[in-house]
PDB file of all heavy atoms in Angstrom:
ATOM      1  N   LYS A   1     196.669 161.931  77.170  1.00  0.00           N
ATOM      2  CA  LYS A   1     196.273 163.247  77.601  1.00  0.00           C
ATOM      3  C   LYS A   1     197.444 164.257  77.920  1.00  0.00           C
ATOM      4  O   LYS A   1     197.313 165.395  77.781  1.00  0.00           O
ATOM      5  CB  LYS A   1     195.428 163.171  78.904  1.00  0.00           C
ATOM      6  CG  LYS A   1     194.020 162.748  78.655  1.00  0.00           C
ATOM      7  CD  LYS A   1     193.062 162.955  79.806  1.00  0.00           C
ATOM      8  CE  LYS A   1     193.442 162.406  81.100  1.00  0.00           C
ATOM      9  NZ  LYS A   1     192.384 162.459  82.097  1.00  0.00           N
ATOM     10  N   LYS A   2     198.579 163.637  78.096  1.00  0.00           N
ATOM     11  CA  LYS A   2     199.823 164.400  78.279  1.00  0.00           C
ATOM     12  C   LYS A   2     200.299 165.091  77.010  1.00  0.00           C
ATOM     13  O   LYS A   2     200.969 166.112  76.940  1.00  0.00           O
ATOM     14  CB  LYS A   2     200.907 163.604  78.893  1.00  0.00           C
ATOM     15  CG  LYS A   2     200.590 163.104  80.335  1.00  0.00           C
ATOM     16  CD  LYS A   2     201.692 162.215  80.796  1.00  0.00           C
ATOM     17  CE  LYS A   2     201.323 161.665  82.144  1.00  0.00           C
ATOM     18  NZ  LYS A   2     202.267 160.685  82.660  1.00  0.00           N
ATOM     19  N   THR A   3     199.986 164.455  75.824  1.00  0.00           N
ATOM     20  CA  THR A   3     200.502 164.986  74.579  1.00  0.00           C
ATOM     21  C   THR A   3     199.396 165.177  73.524  1.00  0.00           C
ATOM     22  O   THR A   3     199.724 165.816  72.526  1.00  0.00           O
ATOM     23  CB  THR A   3     201.535 163.926  73.963  1.00  0.00           C
ATOM     24  OG1 THR A   3     200.841 162.717  73.798  1.00  0.00           O
ATOM     25  CG2 THR A   3     202.654 163.821  74.930  1.00  0.00           C
ATOM     26  N   THR A   4     198.265 164.678  73.739  1.00  0.00           N
ATOM     27  CA  THR A   4     197.184 164.645  72.691  1.00  0.00           C
ATOM     28  C   THR A   4     195.835 164.867  73.280  1.00  0.00           C
ATOM     29  O   THR A   4     195.614 164.707  74.498  1.00  0.00           O
ATOM     30  CB  THR A   4     197.153 163.272  72.035  1.00  0.00           C
ATOM     31  OG1 THR A   4     198.428 162.895  71.637  1.00  0.00           O
ATOM     32  CG2 THR A   4     196.267 163.243  70.799  1.00  0.00           C
ATOM     33  N   PHE A   5     194.895 165.254  72.477  1.00  0.00           N
ATOM     34  CA  PHE A   5     193.521 165.444  72.920  1.00  0.00           C
ATOM     35  C   PHE A   5     192.864 164.039  72.996  1.00  0.00           C
ATOM     36  O   PHE A   5     192.860 163.317  71.978  1.00  0.00           O
ATOM     37  CB  PHE A   5     192.785 166.373  71.985  1.00  0.00           C
ATOM     38  CG  PHE A   5     191.330 166.451  72.276  1.00  0.00           C
ATOM     39  CD1 PHE A   5     190.780 167.123  73.399  1.00  0.00           C
ATOM     40  CD2 PHE A   5     190.382 165.779  71.468  1.00  0.00           C
ATOM     41  CE1 PHE A   5     189.472 167.172  73.617  1.00  0.00           C
ATOM     42  CE2 PHE A   5     189.094 165.803  71.738  1.00  0.00           C
ATOM     43  CZ  PHE A   5     188.563 166.473  72.802  1.00  0.00           C
ATOM     44  N   VAL A   6     192.264 163.799  74.164  1.00  0.00           N
ATOM     45  CA  VAL A   6     191.446 162.569  74.234  1.00  0.00           C
ATOM     46  C   VAL A   6     190.095 162.991  74.388  1.00  0.00           C
ATOM     47  O   VAL A   6     189.683 163.621  75.390  1.00  0.00           O
ATOM     48  CB  VAL A   6     192.001 161.722  75.470  1.00  0.00           C
ATOM     49  CG1 VAL A   6     191.064 160.475  75.629  1.00  0.00           C
ATOM     50  CG2 VAL A   6     193.455 161.336  75.277  1.00  0.00           C
ATOM     51  N   PRO A   7     189.199 162.487  73.513  1.00  0.00           N
ATOM     52  CA  PRO A   7     187.742 162.830  73.735  1.00  0.00           C
ATOM     53  C   PRO A   7     187.165 162.409  75.021  1.00  0.00           C
ATOM     54  O   PRO A   7     187.450 161.268  75.473  1.00  0.00           O
ATOM     55  CB  PRO A   7     187.056 162.043  72.633  1.00  0.00           C
ATOM     56  CG  PRO A   7     188.101 161.865  71.595  1.00  0.00           C
ATOM     57  CD  PRO A   7     189.389 161.679  72.378  1.00  0.00           C
ATOM     58  N   GLU A   8     186.609 163.335  75.737  1.00  0.00           N
ATOM     59  CA  GLU A   8     186.095 163.058  77.073  1.00  0.00           C
ATOM     60  C   GLU A   8     185.122 161.820  77.089  1.00  0.00           C
ATOM     61  O   GLU A   8     185.021 161.075  77.990  1.00  0.00           O
ATOM     62  CB  GLU A   8     185.420 164.308  77.700  1.00  0.00           C
ATOM     63  CG  GLU A   8     184.997 164.212  79.088  1.00  0.00           C
ATOM     64  CD  GLU A   8     184.377 165.461  79.665  1.00  0.00           C
ATOM     65  OE1 GLU A   8     185.011 166.535  79.417  1.00  0.00           O
ATOM     66  OE2 GLU A   8     183.228 165.420  80.210  1.00  0.00           O
ATOM     67  N   ASN A   9     184.399 161.773  76.026  1.00  0.00           N
ATOM     68  CA  ASN A   9     183.346 160.734  75.937  1.00  0.00           C
ATOM     69  C   ASN A   9     184.003 159.361  75.892  1.00  0.00           C
ATOM     70  O   ASN A   9     183.485 158.421  76.484  1.00  0.00           O
ATOM     71  CB  ASN A   9     182.461 160.922  74.634  1.00  0.00           C
ATOM     72  CG  ASN A   9     181.163 160.248  74.759  1.00  0.00           C
ATOM     73  OD1 ASN A   9     180.561 160.181  75.729  1.00  0.00           O
ATOM     74  ND2 ASN A   9     180.720 159.719  73.597  1.00  0.00           N
ATOM     75  N   ASP A  10     185.176 159.237  75.246  1.00  0.00           N
ATOM     76  CA  ASP A  10     185.850 157.900  75.265  1.00  0.00           C
ATOM     77  C   ASP A  10     186.299 157.558  76.632  1.00  0.00           C
ATOM     78  O   ASP A  10     186.051 156.268  77.026  1.00  0.00           O
ATOM     79  CB  ASP A  10     187.127 158.031  74.360  1.00  0.00           C
ATOM     80  CG  ASP A  10     186.855 158.184  72.893  1.00  0.00           C
ATOM     81  OD1 ASP A  10     185.708 158.119  72.592  1.00  0.00           O
ATOM     82  OD2 ASP A  10     187.837 158.337  72.156  1.00  0.00           O
ATOM     83  N   GLU A  11     186.789 158.444  77.377  1.00  0.00           N
ATOM     84  CA  GLU A  11     187.125 158.067  78.808  1.00  0.00           C
ATOM     85  C   GLU A  11     185.920 157.719  79.604  1.00  0.00           C
ATOM     86  O   GLU A  11     185.888 156.834  80.389  1.00  0.00           O
ATOM     87  CB  GLU A  11     187.825 159.299  79.478  1.00  0.00           C
ATOM     88  CG  GLU A  11     189.356 159.389  79.208  1.00  0.00           C
ATOM     89  CD  GLU A  11     189.944 160.486  79.990  1.00  0.00           C
ATOM     90  OE1 GLU A  11     189.688 161.637  79.732  1.00  0.00           O
ATOM     91  OE2 GLU A  11     190.640 160.061  81.013  1.00  0.00           O
ATOM     92  N   LYS A  12     184.850 158.564  79.399  1.00  0.00           N
ATOM     93  CA  LYS A  12     183.635 158.231  80.158  1.00  0.00           C
ATOM     94  C   LYS A  12     183.040 156.890  79.774  1.00  0.00           C
ATOM     95  O   LYS A  12     182.603 156.140  80.750  1.00  0.00           O
ATOM     96  CB  LYS A  12     182.586 159.349  79.800  1.00  0.00           C
ATOM     97  CG  LYS A  12     181.367 159.204  80.589  1.00  0.00           C
ATOM     98  CD  LYS A  12     180.323 160.338  80.187  1.00  0.00           C
ATOM     99  CE  LYS A  12     179.030 160.136  80.959  1.00  0.00           C
ATOM    100  NZ  LYS A  12     177.993 161.008  80.568  1.00  0.00           N
ATOM    101  N   ILE A  13     182.997 156.469  78.688  1.00  0.00           N
ATOM    102  CA  ILE A  13     182.500 155.121  78.246  1.00  0.00           C
ATOM    103  C   ILE A  13     183.367 154.119  78.842  1.00  0.00           C
ATOM    104  O   ILE A  13     182.911 153.085  79.351  1.00  0.00           O
ATOM    105  CB  ILE A  13     182.511 154.998  76.717  1.00  0.00           C
ATOM    106  CG1 ILE A  13     181.393 155.951  76.114  1.00  0.00           C
ATOM    107  CG2 ILE A  13     182.262 153.557  76.290  1.00  0.00           C
ATOM    108  CD1 ILE A  13     181.377 156.054  74.596  1.00  0.00           C
ATOM    109  N   ASN A  14     184.671 154.249  78.771  1.00  0.00           N
ATOM    110  CA  ASN A  14     185.656 153.312  79.424  1.00  0.00           C
ATOM    111  C   ASN A  14     185.327 153.127  80.906  1.00  0.00           C
ATOM    112  O   ASN A  14     185.301 152.051  81.447  1.00  0.00           O
ATOM    113  CB  ASN A  14     187.123 153.722  79.133  1.00  0.00           C
ATOM    114  CG  ASN A  14     188.111 152.662  79.431  1.00  0.00           C
ATOM    115  OD1 ASN A  14     188.108 151.617  78.747  1.00  0.00           O
ATOM    116  ND2 ASN A  14     188.896 152.869  80.429  1.00  0.00           N
ATOM    117  N   GLU A  15     185.171 154.267  81.583  1.00  0.00           N
ATOM    118  CA  GLU A  15     184.947 154.246  83.046  1.00  0.00           C
ATOM    119  C   GLU A  15     183.566 153.600  83.319  1.00  0.00           C
ATOM    120  O   GLU A  15     183.481 152.806  84.329  1.00  0.00           O
ATOM    121  CB  GLU A  15     184.994 155.628  83.669  1.00  0.00           C
ATOM    122  CG  GLU A  15     186.437 156.262  83.626  1.00  0.00           C
ATOM    123  CD  GLU A  15     187.432 155.329  84.269  1.00  0.00           C
ATOM    124  OE1 GLU A  15     187.155 154.849  85.390  1.00  0.00           O
ATOM    125  OE2 GLU A  15     188.581 155.180  83.769  1.00  0.00           O
ATOM    126  N   GLU A  16     182.579 153.872  82.549  1.00  0.00           N
ATOM    127  CA  GLU A  16     181.243 153.180  82.758  1.00  0.00           C
ATOM    128  C   GLU A  16     181.336 151.687  82.501  1.00  0.00           C
ATOM    129  O   GLU A  16     180.726 150.956  83.362  1.00  0.00           O
ATOM    130  CB  GLU A  16     180.188 153.859  81.884  1.00  0.00           C
ATOM    131  CG  GLU A  16     179.813 155.227  82.153  1.00  0.00           C
ATOM    132  CD  GLU A  16     178.964 155.877  81.110  1.00  0.00           C
ATOM    133  OE1 GLU A  16     178.615 155.308  80.010  1.00  0.00           O
ATOM    134  OE2 GLU A  16     178.549 157.060  81.316  1.00  0.00           O
ATOM    135  N   ARG A  17     182.117 151.307  81.590  1.00  0.00           N
ATOM    136  CA  ARG A  17     182.164 149.837  81.290  1.00  0.00           C
ATOM    137  C   ARG A  17     183.014 149.215  82.403  1.00  0.00           C
ATOM    138  O   ARG A  17     182.691 148.062  82.863  1.00  0.00           O
ATOM    139  CB  ARG A  17     182.961 149.701  79.932  1.00  0.00           C
ATOM    140  CG  ARG A  17     182.933 148.249  79.520  1.00  0.00           C
ATOM    141  CD  ARG A  17     181.556 147.813  79.063  1.00  0.00           C
ATOM    142  NE  ARG A  17     181.643 146.384  78.712  1.00  0.00           N
ATOM    143  CZ  ARG A  17     180.986 145.411  79.225  1.00  0.00           C
ATOM    144  NH1 ARG A  17     180.159 145.585  80.217  1.00  0.00           N
ATOM    145  NH2 ARG A  17     181.211 144.200  78.837  1.00  0.00           N
ATOM    146  N   ILE A  18     184.072 149.872  82.943  1.00  0.00           N
ATOM    147  CA  ILE A  18     184.768 149.291  84.174  1.00  0.00           C
ATOM    148  C   ILE A  18     183.785 149.116  85.278  1.00  0.00           C
ATOM    149  O   ILE A  18     183.756 148.068  85.883  1.00  0.00           O
ATOM    150  CB  ILE A  18     185.916 150.281  84.538  1.00  0.00           C
ATOM    151  CG1 ILE A  18     187.051 150.200  83.543  1.00  0.00           C
ATOM    152  CG2 ILE A  18     186.383 149.952  85.993  1.00  0.00           C
ATOM    153  CD1 ILE A  18     188.184 151.236  83.802  1.00  0.00           C
ATOM    154  N   LYS A  19     182.945 150.077  85.638  1.00  0.00           N
ATOM    155  CA  LYS A  19     182.096 150.017  86.736  1.00  0.00           C
ATOM    156  C   LYS A  19     181.082 148.885  86.485  1.00  0.00           C
ATOM    157  O   LYS A  19     180.755 148.078  87.352  1.00  0.00           O
ATOM    158  CB  LYS A  19     181.291 151.373  86.853  1.00  0.00           C
ATOM    159  CG  LYS A  19     180.391 151.352  88.020  1.00  0.00           C
ATOM    160  CD  LYS A  19     179.742 152.731  88.177  1.00  0.00           C
ATOM    161  CE  LYS A  19     178.732 152.666  89.391  1.00  0.00           C
ATOM    162  NZ  LYS A  19     178.100 153.939  89.595  1.00  0.00           N
ATOM    163  N   GLU A  20     180.565 148.719  85.231  1.00  0.00           N
ATOM    164  CA  GLU A  20     179.541 147.701  84.930  1.00  0.00           C
ATOM    165  C   GLU A  20     180.171 146.274  85.123  1.00  0.00           C
ATOM    166  O   GLU A  20     179.596 145.411  85.803  1.00  0.00           O
ATOM    167  CB  GLU A  20     179.137 147.763  83.501  1.00  0.00           C
ATOM    168  CG  GLU A  20     178.172 148.933  83.264  1.00  0.00           C
ATOM    169  CD  GLU A  20     177.927 149.191  81.716  1.00  0.00           C
ATOM    170  OE1 GLU A  20     178.438 148.329  80.864  1.00  0.00           O
ATOM    171  OE2 GLU A  20     177.254 150.127  81.423  1.00  0.00           O
ATOM    172  N   LEU A  21     181.426 146.093  84.608  1.00  0.00           N
ATOM    173  CA  LEU A  21     182.064 144.790  84.726  1.00  0.00           C
ATOM    174  C   LEU A  21     182.383 144.515  86.213  1.00  0.00           C
ATOM    175  O   LEU A  21     182.334 143.374  86.669  1.00  0.00           O
ATOM    176  CB  LEU A  21     183.325 144.715  83.949  1.00  0.00           C
ATOM    177  CG  LEU A  21     183.067 144.407  82.460  1.00  0.00           C
ATOM    178  CD1 LEU A  21     184.434 144.611  81.676  1.00  0.00           C
ATOM    179  CD2 LEU A  21     182.660 143.002  82.249  1.00  0.00           C
ATOM    180  N   GLN A  22     182.836 145.513  86.960  1.00  0.00           N
ATOM    181  CA  GLN A  22     183.142 145.323  88.357  1.00  0.00           C
ATOM    182  C   GLN A  22     181.865 144.808  89.138  1.00  0.00           C
ATOM    183  O   GLN A  22     181.943 143.903  89.846  1.00  0.00           O
ATOM    184  CB  GLN A  22     183.661 146.590  89.016  1.00  0.00           C
ATOM    185  CG  GLN A  22     185.054 146.950  88.664  1.00  0.00           C
ATOM    186  CD  GLN A  22     185.465 148.297  89.067  1.00  0.00           C
ATOM    187  OE1 GLN A  22     184.631 149.207  89.223  1.00  0.00           O
ATOM    188  NE2 GLN A  22     186.750 148.469  89.359  1.00  0.00           N
ATOM    189  N   GLU A  23     180.754 145.455  88.854  1.00  0.00           N
ATOM    190  CA  GLU A  23     179.512 145.112  89.503  1.00  0.00           C
ATOM    191  C   GLU A  23     179.055 143.689  89.158  1.00  0.00           C
ATOM    192  O   GLU A  23     178.762 142.900  90.066  1.00  0.00           O
ATOM    193  CB  GLU A  23     178.373 146.158  89.113  1.00  0.00           C
ATOM    194  CG  GLU A  23     178.526 147.468  89.721  1.00  0.00           C
ATOM    195  CD  GLU A  23     177.521 148.481  89.177  1.00  0.00           C
ATOM    196  OE1 GLU A  23     176.676 148.105  88.331  1.00  0.00           O
ATOM    197  OE2 GLU A  23     177.656 149.633  89.629  1.00  0.00           O
ATOM    198  N   VAL A  24     179.180 143.274  87.843  1.00  0.00           N
ATOM    199  CA  VAL A  24     178.825 141.946  87.474  1.00  0.00           C
ATOM    200  C   VAL A  24     179.685 140.898  88.207  1.00  0.00           C
ATOM    201  O   VAL A  24     179.209 139.893  88.717  1.00  0.00           O
ATOM    202  CB  VAL A  24     178.855 141.834  85.955  1.00  0.00           C
ATOM    203  CG1 VAL A  24     178.935 140.367  85.516  1.00  0.00           C
ATOM    204  CG2 VAL A  24     177.836 142.592  85.220  1.00  0.00           C
ATOM    205  N   LEU A  25     180.990 141.129  88.130  1.00  0.00           N
ATOM    206  CA  LEU A  25     181.920 140.193  88.715  1.00  0.00           C
ATOM    207  C   LEU A  25     181.787 140.069  90.286  1.00  0.00           C
ATOM    208  O   LEU A  25     181.910 139.045  90.788  1.00  0.00           O
ATOM    209  CB  LEU A  25     183.339 140.527  88.276  1.00  0.00           C
ATOM    210  CG  LEU A  25     183.650 140.318  86.828  1.00  0.00           C
ATOM    211  CD1 LEU A  25     184.908 140.972  86.398  1.00  0.00           C
ATOM    212  CD2 LEU A  25     183.666 138.824  86.521  1.00  0.00           C
ATOM    213  N   ILE A  26     181.500 141.191  90.911  1.00  0.00           N
ATOM    214  CA  ILE A  26     181.320 141.166  92.359  1.00  0.00           C
ATOM    215  C   ILE A  26     180.104 140.331  92.649  1.00  0.00           C
ATOM    216  O   ILE A  26     180.119 139.494  93.533  1.00  0.00           O
ATOM    217  CB  ILE A  26     181.267 142.607  92.922  1.00  0.00           C
ATOM    218  CG1 ILE A  26     182.666 143.186  92.848  1.00  0.00           C
ATOM    219  CG2 ILE A  26     180.709 142.595  94.315  1.00  0.00           C
ATOM    220  CD1 ILE A  26     182.621 144.752  93.202  1.00  0.00           C
ATOM    221  N   LYS A  27     178.943 140.550  91.930  1.00  0.00           N
ATOM    222  CA  LYS A  27     177.755 139.814  92.118  1.00  0.00           C
ATOM    223  C   LYS A  27     177.944 138.309  91.909  1.00  0.00           C
ATOM    224  O   LYS A  27     177.283 137.555  92.530  1.00  0.00           O
ATOM    225  CB  LYS A  27     176.645 140.309  91.184  1.00  0.00           C
ATOM    226  CG  LYS A  27     176.089 141.648  91.682  1.00  0.00           C
ATOM    227  CD  LYS A  27     174.966 142.128  90.642  1.00  0.00           C
ATOM    228  CE  LYS A  27     174.480 143.436  91.046  1.00  0.00           C
ATOM    229  NZ  LYS A  27     173.449 143.998  90.134  1.00  0.00           N
ATOM    230  N   GLN A  28     178.911 137.985  91.035  1.00  0.00           N
ATOM    231  CA  GLN A  28     179.150 136.539  90.804  1.00  0.00           C
ATOM    232  C   GLN A  28     180.211 135.949  91.770  1.00  0.00           C
ATOM    233  O   GLN A  28     180.652 134.829  91.570  1.00  0.00           O
ATOM    234  CB  GLN A  28     179.601 136.396  89.328  1.00  0.00           C
ATOM    235  CG  GLN A  28     178.539 136.684  88.335  1.00  0.00           C
ATOM    236  CD  GLN A  28     177.289 135.831  88.585  1.00  0.00           C
ATOM    237  OE1 GLN A  28     177.346 134.633  88.811  1.00  0.00           O
ATOM    238  NE2 GLN A  28     176.046 136.452  88.501  1.00  0.00           N
ATOM    239  N   GLY A  29     180.679 136.721  92.754  1.00  0.00           N
ATOM    240  CA  GLY A  29     181.517 136.220  93.740  1.00  0.00           C
ATOM    241  C   GLY A  29     183.084 136.364  93.476  1.00  0.00           C
ATOM    242  O   GLY A  29     183.877 135.687  94.081  1.00  0.00           O
ATOM    243  N   PHE A  30     183.432 137.292  92.602  1.00  0.00           N
ATOM    244  CA  PHE A  30     184.816 137.493  92.262  1.00  0.00           C
ATOM    245  C   PHE A  30     185.488 138.679  92.964  1.00  0.00           C
ATOM    246  O   PHE A  30     186.560 139.149  92.609  1.00  0.00           O
ATOM    247  CB  PHE A  30     184.982 137.643  90.771  1.00  0.00           C
ATOM    248  CG  PHE A  30     184.736 136.411  89.979  1.00  0.00           C
ATOM    249  CD1 PHE A  30     183.393 136.195  89.480  1.00  0.00           C
ATOM    250  CD2 PHE A  30     185.650 135.442  89.781  1.00  0.00           C
ATOM    251  CE1 PHE A  30     183.135 135.040  88.783  1.00  0.00           C
ATOM    252  CE2 PHE A  30     185.389 134.332  89.062  1.00  0.00           C
ATOM    253  CZ  PHE A  30     184.071 134.066  88.396  1.00  0.00           C
ATOM    254  N   GLU A  31     184.799 139.204  93.983  1.00  0.00           N
ATOM    255  CA  GLU A  31     185.284 140.476  94.600  1.00  0.00           C
ATOM    256  C   GLU A  31     186.704 140.245  95.189  1.00  0.00           C
ATOM    257  O   GLU A  31     187.574 141.128  94.967  1.00  0.00           O
ATOM    258  CB  GLU A  31     184.333 140.857  95.755  1.00  0.00           C
ATOM    259  CG  GLU A  31     184.822 142.127  96.416  1.00  0.00           C
ATOM    260  CD  GLU A  31     183.755 142.657  97.413  1.00  0.00           C
ATOM    261  OE1 GLU A  31     182.751 141.995  97.701  1.00  0.00           O
ATOM    262  OE2 GLU A  31     183.984 143.791  97.899  1.00  0.00           O
TER     263      GLU A  31
END
């Protein structure tokens, strides 16, 4: 983002996937 255009949708998908994986792993006892 400092030098190039990054599609907002790419970041959004990445952040959604982070949240999903965090939730799954926390539910499985990896908090």
